[in-house]
């Protein structure tokens, strides 16, 4: 069984920012409520994260670019996200 302790070689607590340092994360549902919270938390708490990949699809007549703009302008605290807007592309 694969656990965090086997991945890191010990059973010691590893802070989230350290765990995701220089790693990439693939998020599905990133435009939903919890997905937005997760992405914001990863960006805020994990400055060393390598990449966050969001699986996005067109929905309700909106293309992916429109949905990305909606994500960046979401009422969830995306101050950090807005500062990094130049990093996003579809």
N, C-alpha and C. Protein backbone atom coordinates (compact mmCIF):
# COMPACT_ATOMS: atom_id res chain seq x y z
N UNK A 1 0.84 -1.18 0.00
CA UNK A 1 0.00 0.00 0.00
C UNK A 1 0.88 1.24 0.00
N UNK A 2 0.52 2.21 -0.81
CA UNK A 2 1.30 3.43 -0.94
C UNK A 2 0.74 4.49 0.01
N UNK A 3 1.52 4.88 0.97
CA UNK A 3 1.12 5.93 1.90
C UNK A 3 2.13 7.06 1.84
N UNK A 4 1.82 8.17 2.47
CA UNK A 4 2.73 9.30 2.47
C UNK A 4 4.05 8.91 3.13
N UNK A 5 3.99 8.08 4.18
CA UNK A 5 5.22 7.69 4.85
C UNK A 5 6.11 6.84 3.95
N UNK A 6 5.51 6.00 3.10
CA UNK A 6 6.35 5.21 2.19
C UNK A 6 6.88 6.08 1.06
N UNK A 7 6.12 7.09 0.65
CA UNK A 7 6.61 8.00 -0.38
C UNK A 7 7.78 8.82 0.10
N UNK A 8 7.74 9.24 1.35
CA UNK A 8 8.77 10.13 1.88
C UNK A 8 9.83 9.41 2.70
N UNK A 9 9.61 8.15 2.98
CA UNK A 9 10.61 7.37 3.68
C UNK A 9 10.55 7.45 5.19
N UNK A 10 9.58 8.11 5.76
CA UNK A 10 9.44 8.16 7.21
C UNK A 10 7.98 8.43 7.55
N UNK A 11 7.67 8.31 8.83
CA UNK A 11 6.30 8.58 9.26
C UNK A 11 6.18 9.97 9.86
N UNK A 12 7.20 10.80 9.75
CA UNK A 12 7.16 12.15 10.28
C UNK A 12 6.21 13.01 9.46
N UNK A 13 5.60 13.98 10.14
CA UNK A 13 4.70 14.93 9.48
C UNK A 13 5.49 15.79 8.51
N UNK A 14 4.95 15.97 7.32
CA UNK A 14 5.57 16.83 6.31
C UNK A 14 4.58 17.93 5.99
N UNK A 15 4.97 19.20 6.14
CA UNK A 15 4.05 20.28 5.79
C UNK A 15 3.62 20.21 4.33
N UNK A 16 2.42 20.69 4.05
CA UNK A 16 1.85 20.62 2.71
C UNK A 16 2.76 21.30 1.69
N UNK A 17 3.27 22.47 2.02
CA UNK A 17 4.14 23.19 1.10
C UNK A 17 5.40 22.42 0.77
N UNK A 18 5.93 21.73 1.74
CA UNK A 18 7.13 20.93 1.52
C UNK A 18 6.81 19.68 0.69
N UNK A 19 5.67 19.06 0.97
CA UNK A 19 5.28 17.86 0.24
C UNK A 19 5.12 18.14 -1.25
N UNK A 20 4.52 19.28 -1.60
CA UNK A 20 4.28 19.60 -3.00
C UNK A 20 5.41 20.38 -3.66
N UNK A 21 6.49 20.65 -2.93
CA UNK A 21 7.62 21.38 -3.51
C UNK A 21 8.17 20.63 -4.72
N UNK A 22 8.29 21.34 -5.83
CA UNK A 22 8.83 20.81 -7.08
C UNK A 22 8.03 19.62 -7.62
N UNK A 23 6.73 19.59 -7.32
CA UNK A 23 5.83 18.56 -7.85
C UNK A 23 4.75 19.21 -8.69
N UNK A 24 4.14 18.42 -9.54
CA UNK A 24 3.02 18.86 -10.35
C UNK A 24 1.75 18.19 -9.85
N UNK A 25 0.62 18.90 -9.97
CA UNK A 25 -0.66 18.39 -9.51
C UNK A 25 -1.66 18.50 -10.66
N UNK A 26 -2.45 17.45 -10.84
CA UNK A 26 -3.50 17.44 -11.86
C UNK A 26 -4.84 17.50 -11.13
N UNK A 27 -5.63 18.53 -11.42
CA UNK A 27 -6.91 18.75 -10.73
C UNK A 27 -8.05 18.62 -11.72
N UNK A 28 -9.00 17.74 -11.41
CA UNK A 28 -10.24 17.70 -12.17
C UNK A 28 -11.29 18.40 -11.32
N UNK A 29 -12.23 19.05 -11.95
CA UNK A 29 -13.24 19.78 -11.19
C UNK A 29 -12.72 21.08 -10.62
N UNK A 30 -11.66 21.61 -11.20
CA UNK A 30 -11.04 22.82 -10.68
C UNK A 30 -11.88 24.07 -10.81
N UNK A 31 -12.93 24.04 -11.62
CA UNK A 31 -13.78 25.22 -11.77
C UNK A 31 -15.01 25.15 -10.87
N UNK A 32 -15.20 24.04 -10.18
CA UNK A 32 -16.28 23.93 -9.21
C UNK A 32 -15.89 24.63 -7.91
N UNK A 33 -16.82 24.69 -6.97
CA UNK A 33 -16.56 25.43 -5.74
C UNK A 33 -15.34 24.88 -5.00
N UNK A 34 -15.32 23.59 -4.72
CA UNK A 34 -14.20 23.01 -3.97
C UNK A 34 -12.92 23.04 -4.78
N UNK A 35 -13.03 22.89 -6.09
CA UNK A 35 -11.85 22.96 -6.94
C UNK A 35 -11.21 24.32 -6.88
N UNK A 36 -12.02 25.38 -6.88
CA UNK A 36 -11.49 26.74 -6.77
C UNK A 36 -10.77 26.94 -5.44
N UNK A 37 -11.37 26.42 -4.38
CA UNK A 37 -10.75 26.54 -3.06
C UNK A 37 -9.43 25.77 -3.04
N UNK A 38 -9.41 24.57 -3.60
CA UNK A 38 -8.19 23.76 -3.64
C UNK A 38 -7.08 24.46 -4.42
N UNK A 39 -7.40 24.97 -5.60
CA UNK A 39 -6.39 25.65 -6.42
C UNK A 39 -5.84 26.87 -5.69
N UNK A 40 -6.72 27.65 -5.10
CA UNK A 40 -6.27 28.84 -4.36
C UNK A 40 -5.38 28.44 -3.20
N UNK A 41 -5.75 27.41 -2.48
CA UNK A 41 -4.96 26.94 -1.33
C UNK A 41 -3.59 26.44 -1.78
N UNK A 42 -3.54 25.68 -2.87
CA UNK A 42 -2.25 25.20 -3.37
C UNK A 42 -1.35 26.36 -3.79
N UNK A 43 -1.92 27.34 -4.47
CA UNK A 43 -1.12 28.49 -4.91
C UNK A 43 -0.64 29.32 -3.73
N UNK A 44 -1.47 29.46 -2.73
CA UNK A 44 -1.12 30.29 -1.57
C UNK A 44 -0.16 29.57 -0.63
N UNK A 45 -0.34 28.27 -0.42
CA UNK A 45 0.41 27.54 0.59
C UNK A 45 1.63 26.80 0.06
N UNK A 46 1.72 26.67 -1.24
CA UNK A 46 2.80 25.87 -1.83
C UNK A 46 3.57 26.68 -2.87
N UNK A 47 4.38 27.65 -2.43
CA UNK A 47 5.08 28.49 -3.41
C UNK A 47 6.05 27.71 -4.30
N UNK A 48 6.47 26.54 -3.86
CA UNK A 48 7.41 25.75 -4.65
C UNK A 48 6.76 24.74 -5.57
N UNK A 49 5.42 24.77 -5.67
CA UNK A 49 4.73 23.81 -6.54
C UNK A 49 5.17 24.06 -7.98
N UNK A 50 5.43 22.99 -8.68
CA UNK A 50 5.96 23.11 -10.04
C UNK A 50 4.88 23.52 -11.04
N UNK A 51 3.80 22.75 -11.12
CA UNK A 51 2.69 23.02 -12.04
C UNK A 51 1.38 22.59 -11.41
N UNK A 52 0.33 23.31 -11.77
CA UNK A 52 -1.03 22.86 -11.46
C UNK A 52 -1.75 22.77 -12.79
N UNK A 53 -2.12 21.56 -13.15
CA UNK A 53 -2.85 21.33 -14.39
C UNK A 53 -4.33 21.21 -14.05
N UNK A 54 -5.15 21.99 -14.74
CA UNK A 54 -6.59 21.92 -14.55
C UNK A 54 -7.23 21.31 -15.78
N UNK A 55 -8.01 20.28 -15.57
CA UNK A 55 -8.80 19.71 -16.66
C UNK A 55 -10.07 20.53 -16.76
N UNK A 56 -10.23 21.22 -17.87
CA UNK A 56 -11.41 22.06 -18.07
C UNK A 56 -12.07 21.67 -19.38
N UNK A 57 -13.38 21.80 -19.41
CA UNK A 57 -14.12 21.49 -20.62
C UNK A 57 -15.15 22.59 -20.85
N UNK A 58 -15.59 22.72 -22.09
CA UNK A 58 -16.68 23.68 -22.34
C UNK A 58 -17.93 23.23 -21.58
N UNK A 59 -18.72 24.19 -21.13
CA UNK A 59 -19.92 23.85 -20.37
C UNK A 59 -20.93 24.97 -20.49
N UNK A 60 -22.18 24.62 -20.66
CA UNK A 60 -23.29 25.58 -20.73
C UNK A 60 -23.00 26.73 -21.71
N UNK A 61 -22.50 26.38 -22.88
CA UNK A 61 -22.26 27.40 -23.90
C UNK A 61 -21.03 28.25 -23.68
N UNK A 62 -20.22 27.94 -22.68
CA UNK A 62 -18.99 28.68 -22.43
C UNK A 62 -17.80 27.85 -22.89
N UNK A 63 -16.89 28.49 -23.64
CA UNK A 63 -15.68 27.77 -24.02
C UNK A 63 -14.70 27.77 -22.85
N UNK A 64 -13.59 27.07 -23.01
CA UNK A 64 -12.61 26.90 -21.94
C UNK A 64 -11.99 28.25 -21.54
N UNK A 65 -11.70 29.11 -22.52
CA UNK A 65 -11.11 30.41 -22.20
C UNK A 65 -12.05 31.25 -21.33
N UNK A 66 -13.33 31.23 -21.63
CA UNK A 66 -14.31 31.97 -20.84
C UNK A 66 -14.37 31.42 -19.42
N UNK A 67 -14.36 30.11 -19.31
CA UNK A 67 -14.41 29.48 -17.98
C UNK A 67 -13.15 29.80 -17.18
N UNK A 68 -12.00 29.87 -17.86
CA UNK A 68 -10.76 30.24 -17.17
C UNK A 68 -10.85 31.68 -16.66
N UNK A 69 -11.38 32.58 -17.48
CA UNK A 69 -11.58 33.97 -17.05
C UNK A 69 -12.51 34.03 -15.85
N UNK A 70 -13.58 33.25 -15.88
CA UNK A 70 -14.51 33.20 -14.74
C UNK A 70 -13.80 32.69 -13.49
N UNK A 71 -12.94 31.70 -13.65
CA UNK A 71 -12.18 31.17 -12.52
C UNK A 71 -11.28 32.25 -11.92
N UNK A 72 -10.59 32.98 -12.77
CA UNK A 72 -9.69 34.02 -12.29
C UNK A 72 -10.42 35.18 -11.63
N UNK A 73 -11.68 35.37 -11.98
CA UNK A 73 -12.48 36.46 -11.41
C UNK A 73 -13.46 35.97 -10.35
N UNK A 74 -13.27 34.76 -9.87
CA UNK A 74 -14.18 34.16 -8.88
C UNK A 74 -14.13 34.94 -7.57
N UNK A 75 -15.26 34.94 -6.82
CA UNK A 75 -15.29 35.67 -5.56
C UNK A 75 -14.44 35.04 -4.45
N UNK A 76 -14.00 33.79 -4.63
CA UNK A 76 -13.07 33.19 -3.68
C UNK A 76 -11.81 34.04 -3.73
N UNK A 77 -11.09 34.11 -2.67
CA UNK A 77 -9.92 35.00 -2.58
C UNK A 77 -8.82 34.56 -3.54
N UNK A 78 -8.89 35.07 -4.77
CA UNK A 78 -7.91 34.71 -5.79
C UNK A 78 -6.95 35.86 -6.06
N UNK A 79 -6.59 36.61 -5.04
CA UNK A 79 -5.66 37.72 -5.23
C UNK A 79 -4.36 37.20 -5.82
N UNK A 80 -3.85 36.11 -5.26
CA UNK A 80 -2.60 35.54 -5.77
C UNK A 80 -2.76 35.06 -7.21
N UNK A 81 -3.89 34.43 -7.49
CA UNK A 81 -4.16 33.93 -8.84
C UNK A 81 -4.16 35.07 -9.85
N UNK A 82 -4.79 36.18 -9.50
CA UNK A 82 -4.87 37.32 -10.41
C UNK A 82 -3.48 37.88 -10.69
N UNK A 83 -2.59 37.85 -9.71
CA UNK A 83 -1.24 38.33 -9.89
C UNK A 83 -0.44 37.44 -10.84
N UNK A 84 -0.84 36.17 -10.93
CA UNK A 84 -0.13 35.20 -11.77
C UNK A 84 -0.87 34.91 -13.06
N UNK A 85 -1.82 35.75 -13.44
CA UNK A 85 -2.69 35.49 -14.59
C UNK A 85 -1.89 35.22 -15.86
N UNK A 86 -0.72 35.84 -16.00
CA UNK A 86 0.09 35.65 -17.19
C UNK A 86 0.60 34.21 -17.34
N UNK A 87 0.50 33.41 -16.28
CA UNK A 87 0.97 32.02 -16.32
C UNK A 87 -0.07 31.08 -16.90
N UNK A 88 -1.32 31.54 -17.07
CA UNK A 88 -2.40 30.68 -17.50
C UNK A 88 -2.61 30.78 -19.01
N UNK A 89 -2.86 29.64 -19.60
CA UNK A 89 -3.17 29.60 -21.03
C UNK A 89 -4.06 28.40 -21.29
N UNK A 90 -4.79 28.48 -22.37
CA UNK A 90 -5.70 27.38 -22.71
C UNK A 90 -5.30 26.79 -24.06
